[in-house]
Structures are given as C-alpha cells and as structure tokens.
Amino acid sequence: MVQKVTSVTTVEQGVYPVPDIPIKALLGAIPSHCFERSLLRSSTYIFWDFFVIGCIYKGASALDPLIDPRYIYLPHPLVYSALRFALWALYTFGTGLFGMGIWVLGHECGHQAFSNSKTVNNIVGFILHTSVGVPYHSWRISHAKHHASTSHMTQEQAYVPHTRSELNLPPLKQGQEDLLGSRVSDVVRRELYDALGDSPLGAITTTIFYLLAGWPAYLLFNTSGQKRYPMGTSHFNPSSPMYAPRDYNQVVISTIGIAAWASSIATAIYHNGLATVAVIYLIPYLWIHHWLVLITFLQHTDPILPHYRAAAFNFSRGALSTLDRSLMGDCGSIMAWLGAHATHGLAETHVLHHVCSKIPHYHAWEASVALKEKIAGYGLPHEGRPIGWCEFYRVLKECKFVEDEGDVVFFKNEEGVAVMRPAFHDGST
C-alpha cells in the first residue's frame, strides 16, 4: 500500500526475516535417497533430449514439402511462405527449449550430480556444454563460486546489483529519503527517475539485449558479473581473478573446445550456407541463450530478495535468497509442464539446488517438497511469479540499485522505493 503525505511517499514494506537455519538442518530435512546419483538414469535424459530434438527436426522436414499448392490450398501465395516460416520458427523454439535441457544436464555434470564418477561427469559435461557453446571448466569453476557466495555483494559471480555510487546517483539525502527505501520525498523520486527511468521502448530494448546477448557478454566480458573484478576479466582468460593458478590448464582446454565448436559452425556454414545453419542451429542456440538468462536472472533477481554484505552473509542465507518459479507458467498449465519437462525442473527446484547442488534433477522434485516443508514456518519467500517476458520486464524496472550501506540490502526501483526490509531475530533491521 502506497500513501502520499504532502510531498513525501511512504511505503508499507514487507518484512524479510533474515534466517538463522544451519545448513545441516536444511540437508537433514531431505530424504537420504534423494542424494543418490545414477549414471544410467542420468544418461537416459541425454538420449531423450536428443531424441526429441531429432523428432522435431524430422517433423519439420516432413511437413515443409507439404506446404505446397499441390497438397494444400491457401488463399494467397504469401500465405505459403508465412506458414513455412511459422513451421521453422516452431522448430527453433522447440529445439532451443530442449537444447536448454542439454545445457542443464551439462550443468549437473559440473556439480558432480550426474554420476558418482568425477571423470565421467567432466567428460560428459565437457561434451554437452561445448555442443551448446559453453566453456565447460571455465564456467564450472566460476559457477561453483556463485553457489558458495550466492547474493554476496563482493563475492557473488553473476547478477550483482549496482550500488547507488556505482551508478553515480546523488548521495542519500537525510530527511528526504531513508536508507531502507520506505520513505522518499517527491523531489528525490523525480531526481532518481530522471537518472534511472526507462521509456517503454528503452526497457524493451534492454530486455531484448539481455535475453539474446547477456550470456555471451557475461562469458566474454564479465557483464553483470562481480564489479570488483578488473577490466579484461573473462571466462576465456585463465589469468582472470576468479581462477586460481591450478585452474589454468582447465580454462585453456575449455577455450580450445569452444574454438573447435566455432570452427565446426564455420565449416557447416561454408558447406551448407548461412541460412540453413542459422535455422537448424544458430537460432535454436539463441533460444538457449534466451532461456538461460530468462531463468537464471529471475531466480536471483526480484525486489523481495535480499543481498548480503560480508558481516551478515553465510551459506544458508545465500542459498535461501533465491526463488523457485514456473517456466512459462504464465502461458497456462500445459506450457508450464512443457517448460519444466524440457529443462528438467531447473526453474522450479532452484532453492533446493542451492541448498545442495549434488542432488540430481530427477530427485530434486521430491527433495524440494521436503525442503519447503522445513522452511515453511520461517516466513521466507521462496516462490516467485511465473517466468516470462512480462515478468522479466517488471523485475528489470523494479530492481535498479541497492544502497552502499547496510549489511542486508534490497533493490530499490527507479524512484528509490524498496518493497522489503530485513528483520533479524533480535528485532534489528
């Protein structure tokens, strides 16, 4: 509820109870068999994903010749072209969606959740991730740091919030706005909006850039990554600060894998033409980018989620500062089922994944239910709105910056308002 009093806007904020739950207690709530990993069972999902992609391709290839006046009457020649375009657009969508499933299985390998063998996990993960343009070891190493420091302002590796000073915003004006973002004068609101406000077109453009170019920009240039890392930080640079000297060879091997992948694409274009390769592989590859950023951004970014500085951070708090969401749940129950099935529940069991990343996806559903029963009484938000473009747009506009001060901080919007405030067990904020 927002209430205006003279020239000041006050907000009735929600309260986020900063948890003090030992990780041992969270893990203890999960049935023991959920930690078991099966190479055979995990492998069936690889075969299934490729089988579905193959069926989608065969189906599109079989239907394409039938879009012809000899087989079907349509009122105008352009309708045939439009129908053929729609057919192959549907192919790219489906292939990209199940291609995201392949990415998820490679991601499980990096967490050693695929099987009991580290060697098997790394070989399979390297093959799967390289096939979708991911430098396996390079990202596996930085991703492990993300799990160790989720929502830590100076240790987190991805989706790190901008602070007020980093955006060169005016300093906090005592008396006209409060640190927690519950009270902001109209003068400050206008000042911040002038600096941060997006036009609808600008916000849409930003959304498109994030969804299509955000992933390669992160890998190549550390875009949206840890702000304290220097220029030149990259997943293809073995001397980047997120890597230890022992990681050097693995980063080089991953880079060689990506060079081979890019060469394969170039060879395919040379022999088959850009248009064919774009439809068969490159556009589905962009769909994978799209799903990856859409899912992971919304798992970790929302005005109801906290970020921690060192004094208040611990592993459990970081793990619980994420959200489960339903992929394509805004499009109805059938699309929600398809999204969860194709991507192996990546979006729907994410809080559990951060509590224990070695649980394979086929046990994650049961484990997630048990975990939610454990934390139900703590008042923590763990279910977000369904994942979709409208939700991405909303969150992008609502999550603009956090303050430079405070051990637990929440996003403020383009007018300096925050919808949540922290509360510790001792009553402090």
Protein backbone atom coordinates (compact mmCIF):
# COMPACT_ATOMS: atom_id res chain seq x y z
CA MET A 1 0.00 0.00 0.00
CA VAL A 2 1.43 3.40 -1.03
CA GLN A 3 0.26 6.54 0.78
CA LYS A 4 1.24 10.11 -0.11
CA VAL A 5 1.58 12.67 2.67
CA THR A 6 2.26 16.23 1.40
CA SER A 7 5.49 15.84 -0.63
CA VAL A 8 6.64 12.51 0.75
CA THR A 9 5.81 8.99 -0.45
CA THR A 10 5.73 6.33 2.22
CA VAL A 11 5.56 2.61 1.53
CA GLU A 12 4.26 -0.16 3.73
CA GLN A 13 7.10 -2.63 3.25
CA GLY A 14 7.13 -6.36 3.58
CA VAL A 15 9.41 -7.86 6.21
CA TYR A 16 12.09 -10.37 5.25
CA PRO A 17 13.06 -12.47 8.28
CA VAL A 18 16.81 -12.97 7.86
CA PRO A 19 17.17 -16.71 8.53
CA ASP A 20 19.45 -18.44 11.01
CA ILE A 21 18.96 -22.02 9.84
CA PRO A 22 22.06 -24.25 9.92
CA ILE A 23 22.78 -25.92 6.59
CA LYS A 24 22.87 -29.25 8.43
CA ALA A 25 19.22 -28.77 9.42
CA LEU A 26 18.24 -27.99 5.82
CA LEU A 27 20.06 -31.03 4.46
CA GLY A 28 18.64 -33.21 7.23
CA ALA A 29 15.10 -32.48 6.04
CA ILE A 30 15.81 -34.09 2.65
CA PRO A 31 15.19 -37.86 2.26
CA SER A 32 18.52 -39.70 2.05
CA HIS A 33 17.76 -41.44 -1.25
CA CYS A 34 17.50 -38.04 -2.96
CA PHE A 35 21.28 -37.73 -2.75
CA GLU A 36 21.82 -40.89 -4.82
CA ARG A 37 23.18 -40.45 -8.36
CA SER A 38 22.77 -42.94 -11.18
CA LEU A 39 24.86 -42.84 -14.34
CA LEU A 40 22.33 -44.99 -16.18
CA ARG A 41 19.33 -42.93 -15.18
CA SER A 42 21.08 -39.62 -15.84
CA SER A 43 22.19 -40.84 -19.29
CA THR A 44 18.62 -41.61 -20.34
CA TYR A 45 17.81 -37.91 -20.15
CA ILE A 46 20.62 -37.10 -22.60
CA PHE A 47 19.24 -39.61 -25.06
CA TRP A 48 15.70 -38.33 -24.52
CA ASP A 49 16.62 -34.69 -25.17
CA PHE A 50 18.46 -35.53 -28.38
CA PHE A 51 15.66 -37.89 -29.43
CA VAL A 52 13.05 -35.15 -29.01
CA ILE A 53 15.19 -32.65 -30.91
CA GLY A 54 15.63 -35.22 -33.68
CA CYS A 55 11.87 -35.79 -33.83
CA ILE A 56 11.22 -32.04 -34.01
CA TYR A 57 13.64 -31.77 -36.93
CA LYS A 58 12.21 -34.80 -38.73
CA GLY A 59 8.70 -33.48 -38.23
CA ALA A 60 9.52 -30.04 -39.62
CA SER A 61 11.41 -31.57 -42.56
CA ALA A 62 8.47 -33.86 -43.37
CA LEU A 63 5.87 -31.10 -43.18
CA ASP A 64 7.83 -28.50 -45.15
CA PRO A 65 7.32 -30.11 -48.61
CA LEU A 66 3.59 -30.42 -47.91
CA ILE A 67 3.21 -26.65 -47.70
CA ASP A 68 2.64 -26.54 -51.41
CA PRO A 69 -0.36 -25.85 -53.69
CA ARG A 70 -0.23 -29.49 -54.80
CA TYR A 71 -1.16 -30.64 -51.29
CA ILE A 72 -2.93 -27.74 -49.61
CA TYR A 73 -4.99 -24.82 -50.88
CA LEU A 74 -4.28 -21.42 -49.36
CA PRO A 75 -5.82 -18.11 -50.48
CA HIS A 76 -2.59 -16.32 -51.41
CA PRO A 77 0.97 -17.37 -52.37
CA LEU A 78 2.38 -15.35 -49.46
CA VAL A 79 0.43 -17.48 -47.02
CA TYR A 80 2.52 -20.49 -48.06
CA SER A 81 5.69 -18.56 -47.15
CA ALA A 82 4.17 -17.43 -43.87
CA LEU A 83 3.14 -20.97 -42.96
CA ARG A 84 6.59 -22.31 -43.82
CA PHE A 85 8.15 -19.55 -41.71
CA ALA A 86 5.87 -20.46 -38.80
CA LEU A 87 6.79 -24.14 -39.13
CA TRP A 88 10.53 -23.50 -38.87
CA ALA A 89 10.04 -20.86 -36.18
CA LEU A 90 8.27 -23.53 -34.14
CA TYR A 91 11.20 -25.87 -34.85
CA THR A 92 13.70 -23.32 -33.49
CA PHE A 93 11.57 -22.74 -30.40
CA GLY A 94 11.24 -26.44 -29.59
CA THR A 95 14.86 -27.24 -30.36
CA GLY A 96 16.05 -24.31 -28.25
CA LEU A 97 13.84 -25.36 -25.36
CA PHE A 98 15.10 -28.95 -25.32
CA GLY A 99 18.60 -27.64 -26.09
CA MET A 100 18.29 -25.82 -22.79
CA GLY A 101 17.68 -29.26 -21.28
CA ILE A 102 21.05 -30.37 -22.69
CA TRP A 103 22.62 -27.30 -21.06
CA VAL A 104 21.00 -28.31 -17.74
CA LEU A 105 22.47 -31.83 -17.93
CA GLY A 106 25.93 -30.40 -18.60
CA HIS A 107 25.38 -28.10 -15.63
CA GLU A 108 24.59 -31.16 -13.48
CA CYS A 109 27.87 -32.71 -14.60
CA GLY A 110 29.70 -29.61 -13.39
CA HIS A 111 28.07 -30.05 -9.97
CA GLN A 112 29.03 -33.76 -9.93
CA ALA A 113 25.32 -34.60 -9.80
CA PHE A 114 25.30 -36.69 -12.99
CA SER A 115 27.05 -39.78 -11.62
CA ASN A 116 29.37 -40.94 -8.84
CA SER A 117 32.42 -40.63 -11.11
CA LYS A 118 34.10 -37.24 -11.36
CA THR A 119 35.89 -38.36 -14.53
CA VAL A 120 32.63 -39.40 -16.23
CA ASN A 121 30.94 -36.20 -15.09
CA ASN A 122 33.65 -33.98 -16.52
CA ILE A 123 33.90 -35.84 -19.83
CA VAL A 124 30.14 -35.83 -20.38
CA GLY A 125 29.81 -32.25 -19.16
CA PHE A 126 32.59 -31.05 -21.45
CA ILE A 127 30.93 -32.65 -24.48
CA LEU A 128 27.42 -31.42 -23.65
CA HIS A 129 28.39 -27.87 -22.77
CA THR A 130 30.79 -27.46 -25.66
CA SER A 131 28.00 -28.56 -28.01
CA VAL A 132 25.96 -25.54 -26.88
CA GLY A 133 28.85 -23.08 -26.79
CA VAL A 134 29.73 -23.15 -23.09
CA PRO A 135 33.38 -23.28 -21.93
CA TYR A 136 32.73 -26.15 -19.53
CA HIS A 137 35.53 -25.99 -16.96
CA SER A 138 35.82 -22.20 -17.09
CA TRP A 139 32.16 -21.77 -16.26
CA ARG A 140 32.05 -24.74 -13.87
CA ILE A 141 34.72 -23.10 -11.70
CA SER A 142 33.12 -19.65 -11.61
CA HIS A 143 29.68 -21.20 -11.12
CA ALA A 144 30.94 -23.07 -8.03
CA LYS A 145 31.95 -19.69 -6.60
CA HIS A 146 28.45 -18.41 -7.36
CA HIS A 147 27.00 -21.24 -5.29
CA ALA A 148 29.42 -20.64 -2.44
CA SER A 149 28.59 -16.92 -2.30
CA THR A 150 25.05 -16.52 -3.61
CA SER A 151 23.79 -12.94 -3.12
CA HIS A 152 27.10 -11.85 -1.53
CA MET A 153 27.75 -8.29 -2.68
CA THR A 154 31.52 -8.70 -3.12
CA GLN A 155 31.90 -12.44 -3.77
CA GLU A 156 28.90 -13.30 -5.98
CA GLN A 157 29.81 -14.00 -9.61
CA ALA A 158 26.64 -13.12 -11.53
CA TYR A 159 23.70 -10.69 -11.39
CA VAL A 160 25.50 -8.50 -8.87
CA PRO A 161 23.40 -5.38 -8.12
CA HIS A 162 24.64 -1.92 -8.92
CA THR A 163 25.03 0.32 -5.90
CA ARG A 164 23.97 3.96 -5.66
CA SER A 165 27.56 5.17 -6.01
CA GLU A 166 28.37 2.87 -8.94
CA LEU A 167 25.52 4.46 -10.90
CA ASN A 168 26.73 7.96 -9.91
CA LEU A 169 23.40 8.73 -8.29
CA PRO A 170 23.09 11.62 -5.83
CA PRO A 171 24.04 10.69 -2.26
CA LEU A 172 21.31 9.64 0.14
CA LYS A 173 19.52 12.77 1.32
CA GLN A 174 18.85 12.51 5.04
CA GLY A 175 15.38 13.74 5.88
CA GLN A 176 14.13 13.30 2.31
CA GLU A 177 14.64 9.56 1.99
CA ASP A 178 15.52 6.73 4.32
CA LEU A 179 18.13 4.04 3.87
CA LEU A 180 15.58 1.23 3.73
CA GLY A 181 13.56 2.87 0.96
CA SER A 182 10.26 3.18 2.81
CA ARG A 183 10.10 6.96 2.68
CA VAL A 184 11.08 9.15 -0.29
CA SER A 185 10.31 12.79 -1.00
CA ASP A 186 8.77 13.70 -4.34
CA VAL A 187 11.87 15.77 -5.16
CA VAL A 188 14.15 12.76 -4.69
CA ARG A 189 11.74 10.50 -6.58
CA ARG A 190 11.82 12.79 -9.60
CA GLU A 191 15.59 13.14 -9.36
CA LEU A 192 16.12 9.38 -9.32
CA TYR A 193 13.55 8.77 -12.04
CA ASP A 194 15.32 11.26 -14.32
CA ALA A 195 18.54 9.28 -13.82
CA LEU A 196 17.13 5.74 -13.92
CA GLY A 197 13.73 5.80 -15.58
CA ASP A 198 13.32 3.89 -18.83
CA SER A 199 10.86 4.63 -21.56
CA PRO A 200 8.81 1.56 -22.55
CA LEU A 201 10.86 1.31 -25.75
CA GLY A 202 14.13 1.63 -23.83
CA ALA A 203 13.08 -1.04 -21.35
CA ILE A 204 12.04 -3.39 -24.16
CA THR A 205 15.35 -2.82 -25.94
CA THR A 206 17.26 -3.57 -22.74
CA THR A 207 15.21 -6.73 -22.25
CA ILE A 208 15.98 -7.96 -25.77
CA PHE A 209 19.71 -7.26 -25.32
CA TYR A 210 19.82 -9.11 -22.01
CA LEU A 211 17.98 -12.14 -23.34
CA LEU A 212 19.95 -12.53 -26.59
CA ALA A 213 23.39 -11.14 -25.76
CA GLY A 214 23.58 -11.28 -21.97
CA TRP A 215 25.06 -14.78 -21.75
CA PRO A 216 27.96 -14.32 -24.23
CA ALA A 217 28.57 -10.84 -22.79
CA TYR A 218 28.95 -12.39 -19.33
CA LEU A 219 31.32 -15.10 -20.58
CA LEU A 220 33.41 -12.74 -22.67
CA PHE A 221 33.40 -9.51 -20.68
CA ASN A 222 32.03 -10.29 -17.18
CA THR A 223 28.93 -8.20 -17.93
CA SER A 224 26.64 -8.24 -14.85
CA GLY A 225 29.38 -10.14 -13.01
CA GLN A 226 31.39 -9.24 -9.91
CA LYS A 227 32.06 -5.49 -10.01
CA ARG A 228 35.40 -5.61 -8.22
CA TYR A 229 36.97 -7.69 -10.99
CA PRO A 230 39.19 -5.60 -13.31
CA MET A 231 38.62 -4.92 -16.99
CA GLY A 232 39.73 -7.88 -19.07
CA THR A 233 38.06 -10.42 -16.79
CA SER A 234 36.74 -13.19 -19.00
CA HIS A 235 35.89 -16.88 -18.89
CA PHE A 236 38.38 -17.29 -21.74
CA ASN A 237 41.27 -15.67 -19.85
CA PRO A 238 42.94 -18.18 -17.49
CA SER A 239 44.55 -15.28 -15.62
CA SER A 240 41.18 -13.77 -14.67
CA PRO A 241 40.77 -13.21 -10.91
CA MET A 242 38.08 -15.86 -10.44
CA TYR A 243 40.62 -18.54 -11.33
CA ALA A 244 43.44 -19.95 -9.21
CA PRO A 245 46.75 -20.99 -10.83
CA ARG A 246 45.63 -24.63 -10.63
CA ASP A 247 42.70 -23.80 -12.94
CA TYR A 248 44.90 -22.53 -15.78
CA ASN A 249 45.00 -25.69 -17.89
CA GLN A 250 41.29 -26.38 -17.50
CA VAL A 251 40.40 -22.89 -18.72
CA VAL A 252 42.71 -23.35 -21.72
CA ILE A 253 41.13 -26.74 -22.52
CA SER A 254 37.67 -25.19 -22.33
CA THR A 255 38.73 -22.38 -24.66
CA ILE A 256 40.13 -24.89 -27.15
CA GLY A 257 36.79 -26.71 -27.02
CA ILE A 258 34.92 -23.51 -27.87
CA ALA A 259 37.37 -22.75 -30.69
CA ALA A 260 36.65 -26.20 -32.13
CA TRP A 261 32.90 -25.59 -31.73
CA ALA A 262 33.09 -22.25 -33.54
CA SER A 263 35.20 -23.83 -36.30
CA SER A 264 32.58 -26.54 -36.75
CA ILE A 265 29.89 -23.91 -37.18
CA ALA A 266 32.02 -22.02 -39.71
CA THR A 267 32.63 -25.24 -41.64
CA ALA A 268 28.91 -26.03 -41.64
CA ILE A 269 28.15 -22.55 -42.98
CA TYR A 270 30.76 -22.98 -45.72
CA HIS A 271 29.24 -26.26 -46.89
CA ASN A 272 25.52 -25.63 -46.27
CA GLY A 273 25.10 -21.86 -46.33
CA LEU A 274 24.38 -19.36 -43.56
CA ALA A 275 20.60 -19.51 -43.92
CA THR A 276 20.45 -23.27 -43.40
CA VAL A 277 22.84 -23.28 -40.43
CA ALA A 278 21.05 -20.30 -38.90
CA VAL A 279 17.70 -22.09 -38.94
CA ILE A 280 18.97 -25.53 -37.95
CA TYR A 281 21.42 -24.48 -35.22
CA LEU A 282 22.13 -20.77 -34.68
CA ILE A 283 18.60 -19.58 -33.93
CA PRO A 284 17.96 -22.51 -31.54
CA TYR A 285 21.30 -21.58 -29.97
CA LEU A 286 19.97 -18.05 -29.39
CA TRP A 287 16.85 -19.57 -27.85
CA ILE A 288 19.12 -21.40 -25.39
CA HIS A 289 20.74 -18.05 -24.52
CA HIS A 290 17.30 -16.61 -24.06
CA TRP A 291 16.07 -19.37 -21.73
CA LEU A 292 19.28 -19.37 -19.72
CA VAL A 293 19.23 -15.65 -18.99
CA LEU A 294 15.46 -15.51 -18.52
CA ILE A 295 15.51 -18.34 -15.98
CA THR A 296 18.66 -17.51 -14.02
CA PHE A 297 18.04 -13.75 -13.87
CA LEU A 298 14.58 -14.26 -12.40
CA GLN A 299 15.79 -16.93 -9.97
CA HIS A 300 18.20 -14.44 -8.43
CA THR A 301 16.62 -11.05 -9.05
CA ASP A 302 13.43 -9.73 -7.51
CA PRO A 303 12.61 -6.80 -5.22
CA ILE A 304 11.65 -9.31 -2.48
CA LEU A 305 15.11 -10.95 -2.40
CA PRO A 306 17.98 -9.76 -0.17
CA HIS A 307 21.66 -9.28 -0.94
CA TYR A 308 24.24 -9.55 1.81
CA ARG A 309 27.48 -7.91 2.73
CA ALA A 310 30.19 -9.91 4.48
CA ALA A 311 29.09 -9.17 8.05
CA ALA A 312 25.66 -10.74 7.52
CA PHE A 313 26.41 -13.45 4.97
CA ASN A 314 26.52 -17.19 5.49
CA PHE A 315 25.95 -20.09 3.12
CA SER A 316 22.42 -20.87 4.26
CA ARG A 317 21.29 -17.28 3.91
CA GLY A 318 22.71 -17.13 0.41
CA ALA A 319 21.14 -20.42 -0.62
CA LEU A 320 17.72 -19.31 0.62
CA SER A 321 17.91 -15.92 -1.12
CA THR A 322 16.66 -17.39 -4.41
CA LEU A 323 13.26 -18.20 -5.86
CA ASP A 324 11.53 -21.16 -7.44
CA ARG A 325 9.46 -20.11 -10.44
CA SER A 326 7.38 -21.87 -13.07
CA LEU A 327 8.89 -21.59 -16.54
CA MET A 328 6.18 -20.44 -18.96
CA GLY A 329 3.66 -20.80 -16.14
CA ASP A 330 2.10 -17.54 -17.34
CA CYS A 331 1.07 -19.34 -20.54
CA GLY A 332 -1.08 -21.98 -18.86
CA SER A 333 -0.63 -25.38 -17.27
CA ILE A 334 0.35 -27.24 -20.47
CA MET A 335 3.15 -24.79 -21.28
CA ALA A 336 4.25 -24.85 -17.63
CA TRP A 337 4.51 -28.65 -17.81
CA LEU A 338 6.43 -28.45 -21.10
CA GLY A 339 8.87 -25.88 -19.70
CA ALA A 340 9.55 -27.94 -16.57
CA HIS A 341 9.88 -31.18 -18.54
CA ALA A 342 12.18 -29.83 -21.24
CA THR A 343 14.51 -28.05 -18.80
CA HIS A 344 14.45 -30.77 -16.12
CA GLY A 345 12.88 -28.56 -13.44
CA LEU A 346 15.73 -26.06 -13.45
CA ALA A 347 13.44 -23.14 -12.63
CA GLU A 348 11.02 -24.99 -10.38
CA THR A 349 13.51 -26.54 -7.90
CA HIS A 350 16.11 -23.82 -7.68
CA VAL A 351 16.09 -23.13 -3.95
CA LEU A 352 16.77 -26.83 -3.32
CA HIS A 353 19.55 -26.75 -5.90
CA HIS A 354 21.31 -24.01 -3.95
CA VAL A 355 20.96 -25.88 -0.68
CA CYS A 356 22.54 -28.97 -2.25
CA SER A 357 23.73 -28.83 -5.86
CA LYS A 358 24.73 -32.52 -5.96
CA ILE A 359 21.13 -33.73 -5.94
CA PRO A 360 20.23 -34.86 -9.49
CA HIS A 361 17.24 -33.25 -11.12
CA TYR A 362 15.13 -36.41 -11.04
CA HIS A 363 15.28 -36.39 -7.23
CA ALA A 364 15.05 -32.61 -6.95
CA TRP A 365 11.26 -32.51 -7.07
CA GLU A 366 10.83 -34.73 -4.01
CA ALA A 367 13.73 -33.08 -2.21
CA SER A 368 12.30 -29.63 -2.94
CA VAL A 369 8.95 -30.55 -1.37
CA ALA A 370 10.72 -31.78 1.78
CA LEU A 371 12.86 -28.63 1.96
CA LYS A 372 9.84 -26.35 1.60
CA GLU A 373 8.10 -28.17 4.44
CA LYS A 374 11.17 -27.47 6.57
CA ILE A 375 11.31 -23.73 5.87
CA ALA A 376 7.55 -23.14 5.71
CA GLY A 377 7.36 -21.71 9.20
CA TYR A 378 10.13 -19.16 8.76
CA GLY A 379 8.19 -16.74 6.55
CA LEU A 380 10.76 -16.74 3.78
CA PRO A 381 9.61 -16.03 0.22
CA HIS A 382 10.62 -18.98 -1.95
CA GLU A 383 8.01 -18.96 -4.75
CA GLY A 384 8.16 -16.24 -7.37
CA ARG A 385 5.82 -15.31 -10.17
CA PRO A 386 5.95 -17.46 -13.33
CA ILE A 387 8.87 -16.92 -15.69
CA GLY A 388 8.03 -14.98 -18.84
CA TRP A 389 8.86 -11.85 -20.76
CA CYS A 390 6.40 -9.67 -18.83
CA GLU A 391 7.91 -10.76 -15.53
CA PHE A 392 11.44 -10.09 -16.81
CA TYR A 393 10.33 -6.61 -17.87
CA ARG A 394 8.73 -5.96 -14.47
CA VAL A 395 11.75 -7.08 -12.47
CA LEU A 396 14.13 -5.14 -14.70
CA LYS A 397 12.20 -1.95 -13.94
CA GLU A 398 11.75 -2.68 -10.22
CA CYS A 399 15.37 -3.67 -9.47
CA LYS A 400 17.58 -0.69 -10.24
CA PHE A 401 20.10 -0.34 -7.40
CA VAL A 402 20.95 -1.09 -3.78
CA GLU A 403 22.43 1.22 -1.17
CA ASP A 404 26.14 1.42 -0.40
CA GLU A 405 25.37 0.97 3.28
CA GLY A 406 23.70 -1.86 5.14
CA ASP A 407 24.60 -5.49 5.78
CA VAL A 408 21.33 -6.70 4.23
CA VAL A 409 20.06 -4.69 1.27
CA PHE A 410 17.09 -4.88 -1.08
CA PHE A 411 16.66 -3.45 -4.54
CA LYS A 412 15.17 -0.01 -4.93
CA ASN A 413 13.22 0.96 -8.02
CA GLU A 414 13.68 3.94 -10.31
CA GLU A 415 12.08 6.20 -7.70
CA GLY A 416 14.16 4.99 -4.74
CA VAL A 417 11.42 2.82 -3.22
CA ALA A 418 12.08 -0.67 -1.81
CA VAL A 419 9.25 -3.12 -1.16
CA MET A 420 11.06 -5.14 1.53
CA ARG A 421 13.13 -4.54 4.63
CA PRO A 422 15.18 -7.03 6.66
CA ALA A 423 14.45 -8.15 10.20
CA PHE A 424 16.84 -10.12 12.37
CA HIS A 425 15.73 -12.36 15.22
CA ASP A 426 16.89 -9.76 17.73
CA GLY A 427 14.49 -7.26 16.17
CA SER A 428 17.15 -5.15 14.45
CA THR A 429 16.98 -4.10 10.77
